[in-house]
Amino acid sequence: MESQKDLVQSYIDNSEKQKQLYKRTLIIIIIAQVLGGAGLAAGITVGALLAEDLLGSNTLAGLPIALFTLGSAVAALIIGNISQRYGRRIGLASGFITGGIGAVGVVISAIYDNVLLLFIALLVYGAGTATNLQARYAGTDLASEKQRATAVSMAMVSTTFGAVAGPNLVGVMSKFALSIGVPSLAGPFILAGVAFILAGVVLFVLLRPDPLKIAQALAVNNKKVEARVNNQTVEAPKLNKHIIVIGATVMVVTQIVMVAVMTMTPVHMGGHGHGLSAVGLIIGFHIGAMYLPSLITGVLVDKIGRKTMAIAAGITLLISGVLAAYAPTESLTLLTIALILLGLGWNFGLISGTTLIVDGTTPSNRAKVQGTVDVLIALSGAAGGALSGMVVAGSSFAVLSVGSGVISLLLVPAVLFVLKSDK
C-alpha cells in the first residue's frame, strides 16, 4: 500500500496529477459550499424570530446575529490554525460539523424552551458561518497565480445556490418540524444541522489528498530545487506584509460599508411607507449582486489585476452610497440600482482582497493568516451593523450612505500607495 510520503511525492513529481487534484478539489469545495450555503441561510432567516418567540419580546431579537457573528469570528481563528497544522480537510470538516452541532443545539433549545441553551448553541452555530467563508480559500491552494481569483469565485457562486435554496425551504421545514413535534421556527435549523454536517462529511471523506498539504510539500520542494540551482541555503518562506495588509483592508472596508448600508435600508424604506414585499425584492437583488457576478469578477481579477479590481470596489461603493442617499424615497428603481451596486462593490472587494491574501502568503503560513483576516472581516461586519443604527439615529440614512461611500473611496489611494511601494 502506498505510504503518505510516497503519495505526496507522486504529486510533486507529476504536474498532471497536480492539475487533476486542483480540479477535483474545486468540485468537492463546490458541493460542500452548496450544502454550507443552505445551512447558513436557513438558520439566519428565522434566528431572530426564534429568539423573539422564546423570550416573549423583540427587545433582544437582534442578538442571534450578534451571537453567531461572534462565534464565527472565534471559529475563523481556530479553523485557520487547525487547517495550517492538519490541513484543509480536518480544519473545514471540523468547522462545518461543529456548526451543525450548534444548529442541533438550537433545535433542542426550542423543544425545551431554554433561552440560555439557545444563546450558547448560536455561538457554536457560528462555526458553520466561518467555515462557509474560509472554504473559499481551499480551491486556491493548488491554483496558479492566474487561477486564484477564479477559484475563489467558483466557491462563492456555489454558496449562492444553497443560500437561495435555504430560505425557500423555510416553509417546508417548518411543517416538517411540526409533524415530528418540534416548534415550527426550529425547522430551518434542522435543515441547517443536516446541511452543515453533510458538508463536513463530504470534505472529510473526499478531500484527499489534502490540497494544502500537497501545496506545502510542493513549496518546500521548489525552494530546495531553487537553492540547489543557485547554490544557496534554503530560506524560510516569508510573508509579503504590504500585500496582506492591503488585501485585509479591502475586505474589511467593503464589509463594513456593505453591512452598514444593507442593515439600514429596510429601516429607511419602512420609514417612507414601503412594504415588506418591496424590501424583500430590493434585498434579494442586493444579495444576488453579492454572489452571482463572482465568476466574471474572478476572471477580471485574474486578467486585469487584483489592485485594479480593488480600486473598482471603492469607486462602485461610492457610486452606490451617493445614489442611495439622493434617490427619491418613492423611487424603488434607483434604490434597487444602489443596492445592486452595493452588492457588486462588495463582490469586487472580497474576491480581489481574498486573492491578494493568497498572493501575499505561502503554503507554510497561508491558512493561519487567512483565519486571522477572516476574524477581522466578521468583527467589521458586526461593527458596521451596530454603528449604522447609531449614525442614522443621530443624523440620517443619507449621511450614512454618503459617509460609507467616502470611506470606500479611501481604498483608492491606499491601494495605489501599496502598488507603488511593493514594486
Protein backbone atom coordinates (compact mmCIF):
# COMPACT_ATOMS: atom_id res chain seq x y z
CA MET A 1 0.00 0.00 0.00
CA GLU A 2 1.32 3.45 -0.95
CA SER A 3 2.59 5.41 2.07
CA GLN A 4 1.60 9.02 2.72
CA LYS A 5 5.14 10.14 1.89
CA ASP A 6 5.10 8.26 -1.43
CA LEU A 7 1.67 9.68 -2.24
CA VAL A 8 2.84 13.25 -1.67
CA GLN A 9 6.00 12.59 -3.70
CA SER A 10 3.90 11.30 -6.61
CA TYR A 11 2.19 14.70 -6.80
CA ILE A 12 5.49 16.55 -6.52
CA ASP A 13 6.84 14.54 -9.45
CA ASN A 14 3.75 14.77 -11.68
CA SER A 15 2.37 18.16 -12.74
CA GLU A 16 -0.58 16.46 -14.45
CA LYS A 17 -1.62 14.89 -11.14
CA GLN A 18 -1.41 18.34 -9.54
CA LYS A 19 -3.81 19.74 -12.14
CA GLN A 20 -6.20 16.83 -11.65
CA LEU A 21 -6.18 17.33 -7.87
CA TYR A 22 -6.82 21.05 -8.33
CA LYS A 23 -9.91 20.34 -10.45
CA ARG A 24 -11.13 17.62 -8.08
CA THR A 25 -10.66 19.92 -5.10
CA LEU A 26 -12.81 22.60 -6.75
CA ILE A 27 -15.62 20.10 -7.37
CA ILE A 28 -15.56 18.93 -3.74
CA ILE A 29 -15.50 22.51 -2.45
CA ILE A 30 -18.45 23.41 -4.69
CA ILE A 31 -20.52 20.51 -3.32
CA ALA A 32 -19.65 21.44 0.27
CA GLN A 33 -20.43 25.11 -0.35
CA VAL A 34 -23.88 24.38 -1.76
CA LEU A 35 -24.67 22.44 1.42
CA GLY A 36 -22.99 25.05 3.62
CA GLY A 37 -24.92 27.87 1.97
CA ALA A 38 -28.21 26.11 2.70
CA GLY A 39 -27.22 25.66 6.33
CA LEU A 40 -26.18 29.27 6.70
CA ALA A 41 -29.19 30.88 5.01
CA ALA A 42 -31.87 28.69 6.58
CA GLY A 43 -30.70 29.49 10.08
CA ILE A 44 -30.23 33.21 9.56
CA THR A 45 -33.73 33.54 8.11
CA VAL A 46 -35.53 32.63 11.36
CA GLY A 47 -32.90 33.15 14.08
CA ALA A 48 -34.32 36.48 15.25
CA LEU A 49 -37.89 35.15 15.13
CA LEU A 50 -36.97 32.13 17.25
CA ALA A 51 -35.25 34.33 19.84
CA GLU A 52 -38.29 36.60 19.94
CA ASP A 53 -40.58 33.58 20.41
CA LEU A 54 -38.53 32.10 23.29
CA LEU A 55 -38.01 35.46 25.00
CA GLY A 56 -41.57 36.65 24.50
CA SER A 57 -40.20 40.03 23.43
CA ASN A 58 -38.43 41.60 20.44
CA THR A 59 -36.01 43.53 22.67
CA LEU A 60 -33.19 41.06 22.10
CA ALA A 61 -34.36 39.72 18.74
CA GLY A 62 -31.19 41.06 17.11
CA LEU A 63 -29.00 39.06 19.49
CA PRO A 64 -28.85 35.86 17.36
CA ILE A 65 -26.99 37.65 14.54
CA ALA A 66 -24.58 39.18 17.06
CA LEU A 67 -24.00 35.78 18.70
CA PHE A 68 -23.24 33.76 15.62
CA THR A 69 -21.16 36.63 14.23
CA LEU A 70 -19.08 36.50 17.43
CA GLY A 71 -18.99 32.70 17.19
CA SER A 72 -17.86 32.89 13.58
CA ALA A 73 -15.04 35.29 14.48
CA VAL A 74 -13.67 32.94 17.15
CA ALA A 75 -14.16 29.91 14.91
CA ALA A 76 -12.36 31.58 11.98
CA LEU A 77 -9.20 31.89 14.05
CA ILE A 78 -9.43 28.30 15.32
CA ILE A 79 -10.20 26.83 11.88
CA GLY A 80 -7.31 28.75 10.33
CA ASN A 81 -4.89 27.36 12.90
CA ILE A 82 -6.23 23.80 12.60
CA SER A 83 -6.01 24.00 8.80
CA GLN A 84 -2.44 25.26 8.97
CA ARG A 85 -1.39 22.38 11.20
CA TYR A 86 -3.52 19.49 9.97
CA GLY A 87 -4.71 20.58 6.51
CA ARG A 88 -7.88 21.95 4.92
CA ARG A 89 -9.71 18.62 5.21
CA ILE A 90 -9.57 18.50 9.01
CA GLY A 91 -9.98 22.26 9.50
CA LEU A 92 -13.01 22.74 7.26
CA ALA A 93 -14.69 19.43 8.14
CA SER A 94 -14.42 20.14 11.87
CA GLY A 95 -15.78 23.67 11.35
CA PHE A 96 -18.84 22.57 9.42
CA ILE A 97 -19.61 19.68 11.78
CA THR A 98 -19.26 22.00 14.79
CA GLY A 99 -21.68 24.43 13.13
CA GLY A 100 -24.07 21.53 12.56
CA ILE A 101 -23.88 20.57 16.25
CA GLY A 102 -24.72 24.19 17.09
CA ALA A 103 -27.80 24.02 14.84
CA VAL A 104 -28.90 20.83 16.60
CA GLY A 105 -28.45 22.67 19.90
CA VAL A 106 -30.77 25.43 18.66
CA VAL A 107 -33.45 22.82 17.86
CA ILE A 108 -33.11 21.27 21.33
CA SER A 109 -33.32 24.72 22.95
CA ALA A 110 -36.59 25.34 21.09
CA ILE A 111 -38.01 21.98 22.18
CA TYR A 112 -37.22 22.65 25.85
CA ASP A 113 -37.83 26.42 25.68
CA ASN A 114 -34.32 27.07 27.03
CA VAL A 115 -33.04 30.55 26.22
CA LEU A 116 -29.55 30.01 27.70
CA LEU A 117 -29.02 26.90 25.56
CA LEU A 118 -30.25 28.87 22.53
CA PHE A 119 -27.60 31.55 23.01
CA ILE A 120 -24.80 29.01 23.56
CA ALA A 121 -25.93 26.99 20.54
CA LEU A 122 -25.98 30.10 18.34
CA LEU A 123 -22.37 30.83 19.27
CA VAL A 124 -21.41 27.29 18.22
CA TYR A 125 -23.56 27.59 15.08
CA GLY A 126 -21.32 30.49 14.06
CA ALA A 127 -18.58 27.96 13.27
CA GLY A 128 -20.57 26.95 10.20
CA THR A 129 -20.69 30.57 9.06
CA ALA A 130 -16.91 30.93 9.47
CA THR A 131 -16.23 27.68 7.64
CA ASN A 132 -18.51 28.65 4.78
CA LEU A 133 -16.40 31.77 4.31
CA GLN A 134 -12.99 30.10 4.78
CA ALA A 135 -13.76 27.31 2.32
CA ARG A 136 -13.26 29.83 -0.49
CA TYR A 137 -9.52 29.65 0.18
CA ALA A 138 -9.22 25.87 -0.26
CA GLY A 139 -9.59 25.97 -4.03
CA THR A 140 -6.64 28.36 -4.31
CA ASP A 141 -4.06 26.07 -2.68
CA LEU A 142 -3.08 24.36 -5.94
CA ALA A 143 -4.19 27.14 -8.29
CA SER A 144 -1.62 29.01 -10.36
CA GLU A 145 -1.31 32.76 -9.85
CA LYS A 146 -3.62 33.32 -12.83
CA GLN A 147 -6.28 30.92 -11.48
CA ARG A 148 -6.62 32.05 -7.88
CA ALA A 149 -9.41 34.60 -8.19
CA THR A 150 -11.39 32.28 -10.47
CA ALA A 151 -11.09 29.52 -7.85
CA VAL A 152 -12.39 31.88 -5.15
CA SER A 153 -15.28 32.95 -7.36
CA MET A 154 -16.38 29.38 -8.02
CA ALA A 155 -16.70 28.74 -4.29
CA MET A 156 -18.73 31.93 -3.86
CA VAL A 157 -21.10 31.17 -6.73
CA SER A 158 -21.77 27.69 -5.38
CA THR A 159 -22.61 29.18 -1.97
CA THR A 160 -25.32 31.18 -3.73
CA PHE A 161 -27.26 28.08 -4.75
CA GLY A 162 -27.50 26.91 -1.16
CA ALA A 163 -28.18 30.42 0.13
CA VAL A 164 -31.10 30.79 -2.29
CA ALA A 165 -32.49 27.30 -1.61
CA GLY A 166 -32.28 27.63 2.19
CA PRO A 167 -34.82 30.42 2.75
CA ASN A 168 -37.16 28.88 0.18
CA LEU A 169 -37.26 25.70 2.26
CA VAL A 170 -38.24 27.51 5.45
CA GLY A 171 -41.95 26.79 4.97
CA VAL A 172 -41.35 23.12 4.16
CA MET A 173 -39.02 22.62 7.13
CA SER A 174 -41.42 24.43 9.48
CA LYS A 175 -44.20 21.99 8.53
CA PHE A 176 -41.82 19.05 8.88
CA ALA A 177 -40.82 20.24 12.35
CA LEU A 178 -44.44 20.43 13.46
CA SER A 179 -45.07 16.93 12.10
CA ILE A 180 -42.41 15.50 14.44
CA GLY A 181 -43.43 17.56 17.46
CA VAL A 182 -40.80 20.29 17.17
CA PRO A 183 -41.64 24.05 17.22
CA SER A 184 -42.07 25.30 13.65
CA LEU A 185 -39.38 28.00 13.89
CA ALA A 186 -36.79 25.33 14.73
CA GLY A 187 -37.49 23.59 11.40
CA PRO A 188 -34.96 25.58 9.36
CA PHE A 189 -32.29 24.77 11.95
CA ILE A 190 -32.96 21.07 11.36
CA LEU A 191 -32.04 21.76 7.73
CA ALA A 192 -29.03 23.80 8.86
CA GLY A 193 -27.78 21.00 11.08
CA VAL A 194 -28.12 18.34 8.40
CA ALA A 195 -26.60 20.60 5.70
CA PHE A 196 -23.57 21.67 7.78
CA ILE A 197 -22.83 18.13 8.98
CA LEU A 198 -23.17 16.74 5.43
CA ALA A 199 -20.79 19.45 4.17
CA GLY A 200 -18.29 18.42 6.85
CA VAL A 201 -18.61 14.74 5.98
CA VAL A 202 -18.15 15.46 2.25
CA LEU A 203 -14.92 17.33 2.96
CA PHE A 204 -13.62 14.81 5.49
CA VAL A 205 -14.24 11.82 3.23
CA LEU A 206 -13.45 13.24 -0.20
CA LEU A 207 -10.82 15.95 0.25
CA ARG A 208 -7.92 13.50 -0.04
CA PRO A 209 -5.06 14.10 -0.52
CA ASP A 210 -5.29 17.40 1.27
CA PRO A 211 -4.64 20.28 -1.20
CA LEU A 212 -2.90 22.46 1.38
CA LYS A 213 -0.57 19.64 2.43
CA ILE A 214 0.34 18.98 -1.21
CA ALA A 215 0.86 22.71 -1.79
CA GLN A 216 3.12 22.89 1.26
CA ALA A 217 5.18 19.93 0.02
CA LEU A 218 5.45 21.48 -3.44
CA ALA A 219 6.61 24.80 -1.98
CA VAL A 220 9.32 23.10 0.11
CA ASN A 221 10.48 21.07 -2.90
CA ASN A 222 10.60 24.14 -5.16
CA LYS A 223 12.65 26.02 -2.54
CA LYS A 224 15.12 23.14 -2.33
CA VAL A 225 15.47 22.95 -6.11
CA GLU A 226 15.92 26.73 -6.37
CA ALA A 227 18.53 26.73 -3.59
CA ARG A 228 20.41 23.83 -5.19
CA VAL A 229 20.48 25.50 -8.59
CA ASN A 230 21.70 28.79 -7.10
CA ASN A 231 24.00 27.05 -4.61
CA GLN A 232 22.26 28.68 -1.65
CA THR A 233 20.82 27.55 1.67
CA VAL A 234 17.05 27.04 1.89
CA GLU A 235 15.43 30.11 3.44
CA ALA A 236 12.22 30.10 5.43
CA PRO A 237 9.27 31.40 3.36
CA LYS A 238 8.31 34.98 4.10
CA LEU A 239 5.08 36.93 4.18
CA ASN A 240 4.55 39.90 1.88
CA LYS A 241 3.12 42.15 4.59
CA HIS A 242 2.26 45.00 2.22
CA ILE A 243 0.06 42.77 0.11
CA ILE A 244 -1.56 41.12 3.15
CA VAL A 245 -2.36 44.47 4.76
CA ILE A 246 -3.98 45.89 1.64
CA GLY A 247 -5.90 42.65 0.98
CA ALA A 248 -7.25 42.67 4.53
CA THR A 249 -8.02 46.41 4.34
CA VAL A 250 -10.01 45.99 1.13
CA MET A 251 -12.13 43.21 2.61
CA VAL A 252 -12.67 44.90 5.97
CA VAL A 253 -13.69 48.26 4.46
CA THR A 254 -16.05 46.71 1.91
CA GLN A 255 -17.59 44.51 4.64
CA ILE A 256 -18.22 47.45 7.00
CA VAL A 257 -19.74 49.57 4.23
CA MET A 258 -21.89 46.80 2.76
CA VAL A 259 -23.29 45.66 6.11
CA ALA A 260 -23.92 49.23 7.33
CA VAL A 261 -25.95 50.32 4.30
CA MET A 262 -27.70 46.97 3.84
CA THR A 263 -28.75 46.86 7.51
CA MET A 264 -30.41 50.26 7.46
CA THR A 265 -32.00 50.08 4.01
CA PRO A 266 -35.11 48.16 5.23
CA VAL A 267 -35.49 50.65 8.10
CA HIS A 268 -35.15 53.57 5.67
CA MET A 269 -37.73 52.05 3.32
CA GLY A 270 -40.15 51.20 6.12
CA GLY A 271 -39.97 54.76 7.40
CA HIS A 272 -41.09 56.00 3.97
CA GLY A 273 -44.06 53.68 3.62
CA HIS A 274 -42.61 50.79 1.61
CA GLY A 275 -43.96 47.34 2.48
CA LEU A 276 -42.14 44.10 3.24
CA SER A 277 -42.53 42.84 -0.33
CA ALA A 278 -40.66 45.87 -1.69
CA VAL A 279 -37.96 45.47 0.97
CA GLY A 280 -37.62 41.76 0.16
CA LEU A 281 -37.32 42.49 -3.56
CA ILE A 282 -34.52 45.04 -3.14
CA ILE A 283 -32.59 42.92 -0.64
CA GLY A 284 -32.97 39.94 -2.97
CA PHE A 285 -31.39 41.90 -5.83
CA HIS A 286 -28.66 43.04 -3.47
CA ILE A 287 -27.77 39.51 -2.34
CA GLY A 288 -27.83 38.31 -5.95
CA ALA A 289 -25.33 41.06 -6.84
CA MET A 290 -23.10 39.99 -3.94
CA TYR A 291 -22.59 36.48 -5.29
CA LEU A 292 -23.82 35.88 -8.83
CA PRO A 293 -21.24 38.07 -10.65
CA SER A 294 -18.42 36.12 -8.94
CA LEU A 295 -17.31 34.08 -11.94
CA ILE A 296 -16.95 37.20 -14.08
CA THR A 297 -15.27 39.06 -11.22
CA GLY A 298 -12.83 36.19 -10.70
CA VAL A 299 -11.80 36.26 -14.35
CA LEU A 300 -11.39 40.06 -14.23
CA VAL A 301 -9.25 39.88 -11.08
CA ASP A 302 -7.02 37.26 -12.71
CA LYS A 303 -6.83 39.07 -16.05
CA ILE A 304 -6.62 42.79 -15.27
CA GLY A 305 -5.23 42.60 -11.75
CA ARG A 306 -6.14 42.43 -8.09
CA LYS A 307 -5.38 46.05 -7.34
CA THR A 308 -7.36 47.38 -10.30
CA MET A 309 -10.45 45.49 -9.12
CA ALA A 310 -9.87 46.64 -5.51
CA ILE A 311 -9.95 50.23 -6.77
CA ALA A 312 -13.10 49.38 -8.75
CA ALA A 313 -14.66 48.15 -5.48
CA GLY A 314 -14.07 51.51 -3.81
CA ILE A 315 -15.46 53.51 -6.74
CA THR A 316 -18.50 51.24 -7.12
CA LEU A 317 -19.34 51.54 -3.41
CA LEU A 318 -19.00 55.35 -3.61
CA ILE A 319 -21.48 55.50 -6.51
CA SER A 320 -23.81 53.18 -4.59
CA GLY A 321 -23.69 55.36 -1.48
CA VAL A 322 -24.36 58.60 -3.34
CA LEU A 323 -27.22 57.03 -5.29
CA ALA A 324 -28.79 55.53 -2.15
CA ALA A 325 -28.53 58.88 -0.36
CA TYR A 326 -30.05 61.04 -3.07
CA ALA A 327 -32.53 58.66 -4.71
CA PRO A 328 -36.10 59.96 -4.23
CA THR A 329 -37.73 57.94 -1.44
CA GLU A 330 -40.55 56.86 -3.76
CA SER A 331 -38.16 55.57 -6.43
CA LEU A 332 -37.70 51.84 -5.91
CA THR A 333 -35.82 51.61 -9.19
CA LEU A 334 -32.98 53.92 -8.15
CA LEU A 335 -32.76 52.38 -4.68
CA THR A 336 -32.61 48.92 -6.25
CA ILE A 337 -29.75 50.03 -8.52
CA ALA A 338 -27.94 51.47 -5.49
CA LEU A 339 -28.26 48.17 -3.58
CA ILE A 340 -27.16 46.18 -6.63
CA LEU A 341 -24.06 48.37 -6.86
CA LEU A 342 -23.53 47.89 -3.12
CA GLY A 343 -23.50 44.11 -3.59
CA LEU A 344 -21.29 44.36 -6.66
CA GLY A 345 -18.74 46.57 -4.90
CA TRP A 346 -18.59 44.09 -2.02
CA ASN A 347 -18.10 41.27 -4.53
CA PHE A 348 -15.19 43.11 -6.19
CA GLY A 349 -13.64 43.79 -2.79
CA LEU A 350 -13.98 40.28 -1.36
CA ILE A 351 -12.60 38.46 -4.39
CA SER A 352 -9.72 40.88 -5.04
CA GLY A 353 -8.90 41.07 -1.33
CA THR A 354 -9.00 37.30 -0.89
CA THR A 355 -6.70 36.82 -3.88
CA LEU A 356 -4.26 39.41 -2.51
CA ILE A 357 -4.10 37.47 0.77
CA VAL A 358 -3.25 34.29 -1.16
CA ASP A 359 -0.62 36.19 -3.17
CA GLY A 360 1.00 37.60 -0.03
CA THR A 361 1.30 34.29 1.82
CA THR A 362 2.96 30.92 1.26
CA PRO A 363 1.54 27.44 1.93
CA SER A 364 3.51 27.27 5.19
CA ASN A 365 1.69 30.26 6.72
CA ARG A 366 -1.35 30.80 4.49
CA ALA A 367 -4.18 29.15 6.43
CA LYS A 368 -3.24 30.81 9.72
CA VAL A 369 -3.11 34.26 8.13
CA GLN A 370 -6.41 33.64 6.31
CA GLY A 371 -8.11 32.69 9.58
CA THR A 372 -6.85 35.86 11.26
CA VAL A 373 -8.08 38.04 8.40
CA ASP A 374 -11.50 36.37 8.47
CA VAL A 375 -11.77 37.26 12.17
CA LEU A 376 -11.36 40.91 11.19
CA ILE A 377 -14.00 40.54 8.47
CA ALA A 378 -16.52 39.03 10.89
CA LEU A 379 -15.92 41.68 13.54
CA SER A 380 -16.01 44.52 10.99
CA GLY A 381 -19.37 43.28 9.73
CA ALA A 382 -20.73 43.25 13.27
CA ALA A 383 -19.35 46.75 13.88
CA GLY A 384 -20.83 48.03 10.63
CA GLY A 385 -24.27 46.76 11.57
CA ALA A 386 -24.12 48.19 15.09
CA LEU A 387 -22.73 51.60 14.11
CA SER A 388 -25.12 52.07 11.20
CA GLY A 389 -28.12 52.34 13.52
CA MET A 390 -26.35 54.93 15.66
CA VAL A 391 -25.42 57.03 12.61
CA VAL A 392 -28.96 57.00 11.24
CA ALA A 393 -30.44 57.74 14.67
CA GLY A 394 -28.06 60.67 15.10
CA SER A 395 -28.37 62.03 11.56
CA SER A 396 -29.96 60.27 8.56
CA PHE A 397 -29.77 57.41 6.09
CA ALA A 398 -28.34 59.85 3.53
CA VAL A 399 -25.43 60.73 5.83
CA LEU A 400 -24.77 57.02 6.43
CA SER A 401 -24.80 56.25 2.71
CA VAL A 402 -22.59 59.15 1.61
CA GLY A 403 -20.24 58.62 4.54
CA SER A 404 -19.91 54.94 3.65
CA GLY A 405 -19.15 55.87 0.06
CA VAL A 406 -16.43 58.31 1.12
CA ILE A 407 -14.84 55.68 3.37
CA SER A 408 -14.87 53.26 0.41
CA LEU A 409 -13.11 55.80 -1.79
CA LEU A 410 -10.17 55.80 0.64
CA LEU A 411 -9.32 52.37 -0.81
CA VAL A 412 -8.10 54.05 -3.99
CA PRO A 413 -5.10 55.96 -2.53
CA ALA A 414 -4.38 53.06 -0.13
CA VAL A 415 -4.17 50.52 -2.96
CA LEU A 416 -2.17 52.87 -5.19
CA PHE A 417 0.32 53.52 -2.37
CA VAL A 418 0.85 49.81 -1.79
CA LEU A 419 1.11 49.23 -5.55
CA LYS A 420 3.93 51.76 -5.68
CA SER A 421 5.73 50.61 -2.51
CA ASP A 422 5.55 46.94 -3.46
CA LYS A 423 7.29 47.34 -6.80
